Amino acid sequence: MQSSIEQLMLDPIVGALLVASGIVFALYVVLVRPQLGRLADHLAFVESLKVGDYIVTGGGLIGQIVRCDEAVVTVSLGDGVTVDAVRSTISSFAPARYGASAQV
């Protein structure tokens, strides 16, 4: 007579479900959790933007923020040229060589 553990081990459906569950868990740990962390970091970065910050937009434009609204920032690109950018498209602070102070 087989024990209940041996019966579970021999059942192919249970084995397949365990393997599938393991694969789903591994994909969650490897793909989803890191992306959620990056998303939280980016949202915190976007919320921290203020007038005077030197930034890089998602399109690669580098400039200084001259006005901040809830969803839109106005960026001065130099020589009187300003553009409006959606806050969430700001990718990072500009490197120090572009006139920005060292920001993290």
C-alpha atoms as a PDB file:
ATOM      1  CA  MET A   1       0.000   0.000   0.000  1.00  0.00           C
ATOM      2  CA  GLN A   2       1.311   3.429  -0.930  1.00  0.00           C
ATOM      3  CA  SER A   3       1.357   6.420   1.371  1.00  0.00           C
ATOM      4  CA  SER A   4      -0.566   9.546   0.465  1.00  0.00           C
ATOM      5  CA  ILE A   5       2.652  11.400  -0.409  1.00  0.00           C
ATOM      6  CA  GLU A   6       3.676   8.657  -2.820  1.00  0.00           C
ATOM      7  CA  GLN A   7       0.241   8.767  -4.430  1.00  0.00           C
ATOM      8  CA  LEU A   8       0.562  12.554  -4.940  1.00  0.00           C
ATOM      9  CA  MET A   9       4.009  12.115  -6.409  1.00  0.00           C
ATOM     10  CA  LEU A  10       2.742   9.557  -8.887  1.00  0.00           C
ATOM     11  CA  ASP A  11      -0.251  11.574 -10.062  1.00  0.00           C
ATOM     12  CA  PRO A  12       0.827  13.287 -13.323  1.00  0.00           C
ATOM     13  CA  ILE A  13      -1.747  16.088 -13.017  1.00  0.00           C
ATOM     14  CA  VAL A  14      -0.427  17.148  -9.629  1.00  0.00           C
ATOM     15  CA  GLY A  15       3.119  17.074 -10.937  1.00  0.00           C
ATOM     16  CA  ALA A  16       2.200  19.185 -13.934  1.00  0.00           C
ATOM     17  CA  LEU A  17       0.410  21.716 -11.721  1.00  0.00           C
ATOM     18  CA  LEU A  18       3.403  21.940  -9.402  1.00  0.00           C
ATOM     19  CA  VAL A  19       5.751  22.557 -12.328  1.00  0.00           C
ATOM     20  CA  ALA A  20       3.429  25.174 -13.839  1.00  0.00           C
ATOM     21  CA  SER A  21       3.076  26.904 -10.465  1.00  0.00           C
ATOM     22  CA  GLY A  22       6.844  26.963 -10.077  1.00  0.00           C
ATOM     23  CA  ILE A  23       7.309  28.482 -13.522  1.00  0.00           C
ATOM     24  CA  VAL A  24       4.699  31.185 -12.867  1.00  0.00           C
ATOM     25  CA  PHE A  25       6.320  32.028  -9.527  1.00  0.00           C
ATOM     26  CA  ALA A  26       9.782  32.198 -11.105  1.00  0.00           C
ATOM     27  CA  LEU A  27       8.545  34.499 -13.864  1.00  0.00           C
ATOM     28  CA  TYR A  28       6.905  36.755 -11.286  1.00  0.00           C
ATOM     29  CA  VAL A  29      10.116  36.989  -9.259  1.00  0.00           C
ATOM     30  CA  VAL A  30      12.356  37.518 -12.292  1.00  0.00           C
ATOM     31  CA  LEU A  31      10.173  39.802 -14.445  1.00  0.00           C
ATOM     32  CA  VAL A  32       7.301  41.433 -12.576  1.00  0.00           C
ATOM     33  CA  ARG A  33       8.783  42.389  -9.208  1.00  0.00           C
ATOM     34  CA  PRO A  34      11.827  44.236 -10.617  1.00  0.00           C
ATOM     35  CA  GLN A  35       9.599  46.143 -13.044  1.00  0.00           C
ATOM     36  CA  LEU A  36       7.278  47.191 -10.221  1.00  0.00           C
ATOM     37  CA  GLY A  37      10.309  48.464  -8.304  1.00  0.00           C
ATOM     38  CA  ARG A  38      11.512  50.496 -11.289  1.00  0.00           C
ATOM     39  CA  LEU A  39       8.017  51.902 -11.741  1.00  0.00           C
ATOM     40  CA  ALA A  40       7.857  52.992  -8.098  1.00  0.00           C
ATOM     41  CA  ASP A  41      11.307  54.615  -8.385  1.00  0.00           C
ATOM     42  CA  HIS A  42      10.280  56.502 -11.543  1.00  0.00           C
ATOM     43  CA  LEU A  43       7.040  57.724  -9.966  1.00  0.00           C
ATOM     44  CA  ALA A  44       8.973  59.016  -6.948  1.00  0.00           C
ATOM     45  CA  PHE A  45      11.468  60.721  -9.294  1.00  0.00           C
ATOM     46  CA  VAL A  46       8.681  62.394 -11.308  1.00  0.00           C
ATOM     47  CA  GLU A  47       7.016  63.638  -8.118  1.00  0.00           C
ATOM     48  CA  SER A  48      10.319  65.131  -6.914  1.00  0.00           C
ATOM     49  CA  LEU A  49      10.790  67.353  -9.988  1.00  0.00           C
ATOM     50  CA  LYS A  50      10.876  71.071  -9.233  1.00  0.00           C
ATOM     51  CA  VAL A  51      11.573  74.368 -10.986  1.00  0.00           C
ATOM     52  CA  GLY A  52      15.281  74.786 -11.694  1.00  0.00           C
ATOM     53  CA  ASP A  53      16.083  71.084 -12.169  1.00  0.00           C
ATOM     54  CA  TYR A  54      18.057  70.155 -15.288  1.00  0.00           C
ATOM     55  CA  ILE A  55      16.424  67.130 -16.888  1.00  0.00           C
ATOM     56  CA  VAL A  56      16.519  64.798 -19.880  1.00  0.00           C
ATOM     57  CA  THR A  57      13.218  64.026 -21.587  1.00  0.00           C
ATOM     58  CA  GLY A  58      12.277  60.667 -23.065  1.00  0.00           C
ATOM     59  CA  GLY A  59      13.003  62.130 -26.510  1.00  0.00           C
ATOM     60  CA  GLY A  60      16.537  63.119 -25.496  1.00  0.00           C
ATOM     61  CA  LEU A  61      16.011  66.866 -25.028  1.00  0.00           C
ATOM     62  CA  ILE A  62      18.080  68.402 -22.241  1.00  0.00           C
ATOM     63  CA  GLY A  63      16.890  71.510 -20.469  1.00  0.00           C
ATOM     64  CA  GLN A  64      15.912  73.277 -17.283  1.00  0.00           C
ATOM     65  CA  ILE A  65      12.433  73.143 -15.783  1.00  0.00           C
ATOM     66  CA  VAL A  66      10.921  76.644 -15.656  1.00  0.00           C
ATOM     67  CA  ARG A  67       7.342  75.728 -14.675  1.00  0.00           C
ATOM     68  CA  CYS A  68       5.745  72.678 -13.062  1.00  0.00           C
ATOM     69  CA  ASP A  69       2.095  71.710 -13.190  1.00  0.00           C
ATOM     70  CA  GLU A  70       0.519  68.513 -11.946  1.00  0.00           C
ATOM     71  CA  ALA A  71       0.867  66.694 -15.277  1.00  0.00           C
ATOM     72  CA  VAL A  72       3.014  68.996 -17.469  1.00  0.00           C
ATOM     73  CA  VAL A  73       6.378  70.701 -17.043  1.00  0.00           C
ATOM     74  CA  THR A  74       7.709  73.550 -19.157  1.00  0.00           C
ATOM     75  CA  VAL A  75      11.348  73.021 -20.101  1.00  0.00           C
ATOM     76  CA  SER A  76      13.701  75.756 -21.301  1.00  0.00           C
ATOM     77  CA  LEU A  77      16.064  74.431 -23.941  1.00  0.00           C
ATOM     78  CA  GLY A  78      18.077  77.651 -24.171  1.00  0.00           C
ATOM     79  CA  ASP A  79      17.925  80.966 -26.075  1.00  0.00           C
ATOM     80  CA  GLY A  80      14.253  81.513 -25.246  1.00  0.00           C
ATOM     81  CA  VAL A  81      13.094  78.140 -26.574  1.00  0.00           C
ATOM     82  CA  THR A  82      10.647  76.398 -24.263  1.00  0.00           C
ATOM     83  CA  VAL A  83       8.670  73.202 -24.689  1.00  0.00           C
ATOM     84  CA  ASP A  84       5.964  71.530 -22.647  1.00  0.00           C
ATOM     85  CA  ALA A  85       6.557  67.930 -21.656  1.00  0.00           C
ATOM     86  CA  VAL A  86       4.336  65.447 -19.894  1.00  0.00           C
ATOM     87  CA  ARG A  87       5.835  64.798 -16.464  1.00  0.00           C
ATOM     88  CA  SER A  88       5.966  61.035 -16.879  1.00  0.00           C
ATOM     89  CA  THR A  89       8.158  61.364 -20.007  1.00  0.00           C
ATOM     90  CA  ILE A  90      11.026  62.926 -18.038  1.00  0.00           C
ATOM     91  CA  SER A  91      13.594  60.160 -17.904  1.00  0.00           C
ATOM     92  CA  SER A  92      16.369  61.476 -15.644  1.00  0.00           C
ATOM     93  CA  PHE A  93      18.289  64.411 -14.293  1.00  0.00           C
ATOM     94  CA  ALA A  94      20.752  65.888 -16.784  1.00  0.00           C
ATOM     95  CA  PRO A  95      24.449  65.111 -16.414  1.00  0.00           C
ATOM     96  CA  ALA A  96      26.484  67.752 -14.575  1.00  0.00           C
ATOM     97  CA  ARG A  97      28.312  68.808 -17.753  1.00  0.00           C
ATOM     98  CA  TYR A  98      25.082  70.380 -19.035  1.00  0.00           C
ATOM     99  CA  GLY A  99      24.956  72.942 -16.233  1.00  0.00           C
ATOM    100  CA  ALA A 100      23.181  70.852 -13.641  1.00  0.00           C
ATOM    101  CA  SER A 101      24.428  70.476 -10.139  1.00  0.00           C
ATOM    102  CA  ALA A 102      25.275  66.961  -9.057  1.00  0.00           C
ATOM    103  CA  GLN A 103      21.868  65.430  -8.353  1.00  0.00           C
ATOM    104  CA  VAL A 104      21.023  61.849  -7.532  1.00  0.00           C
END
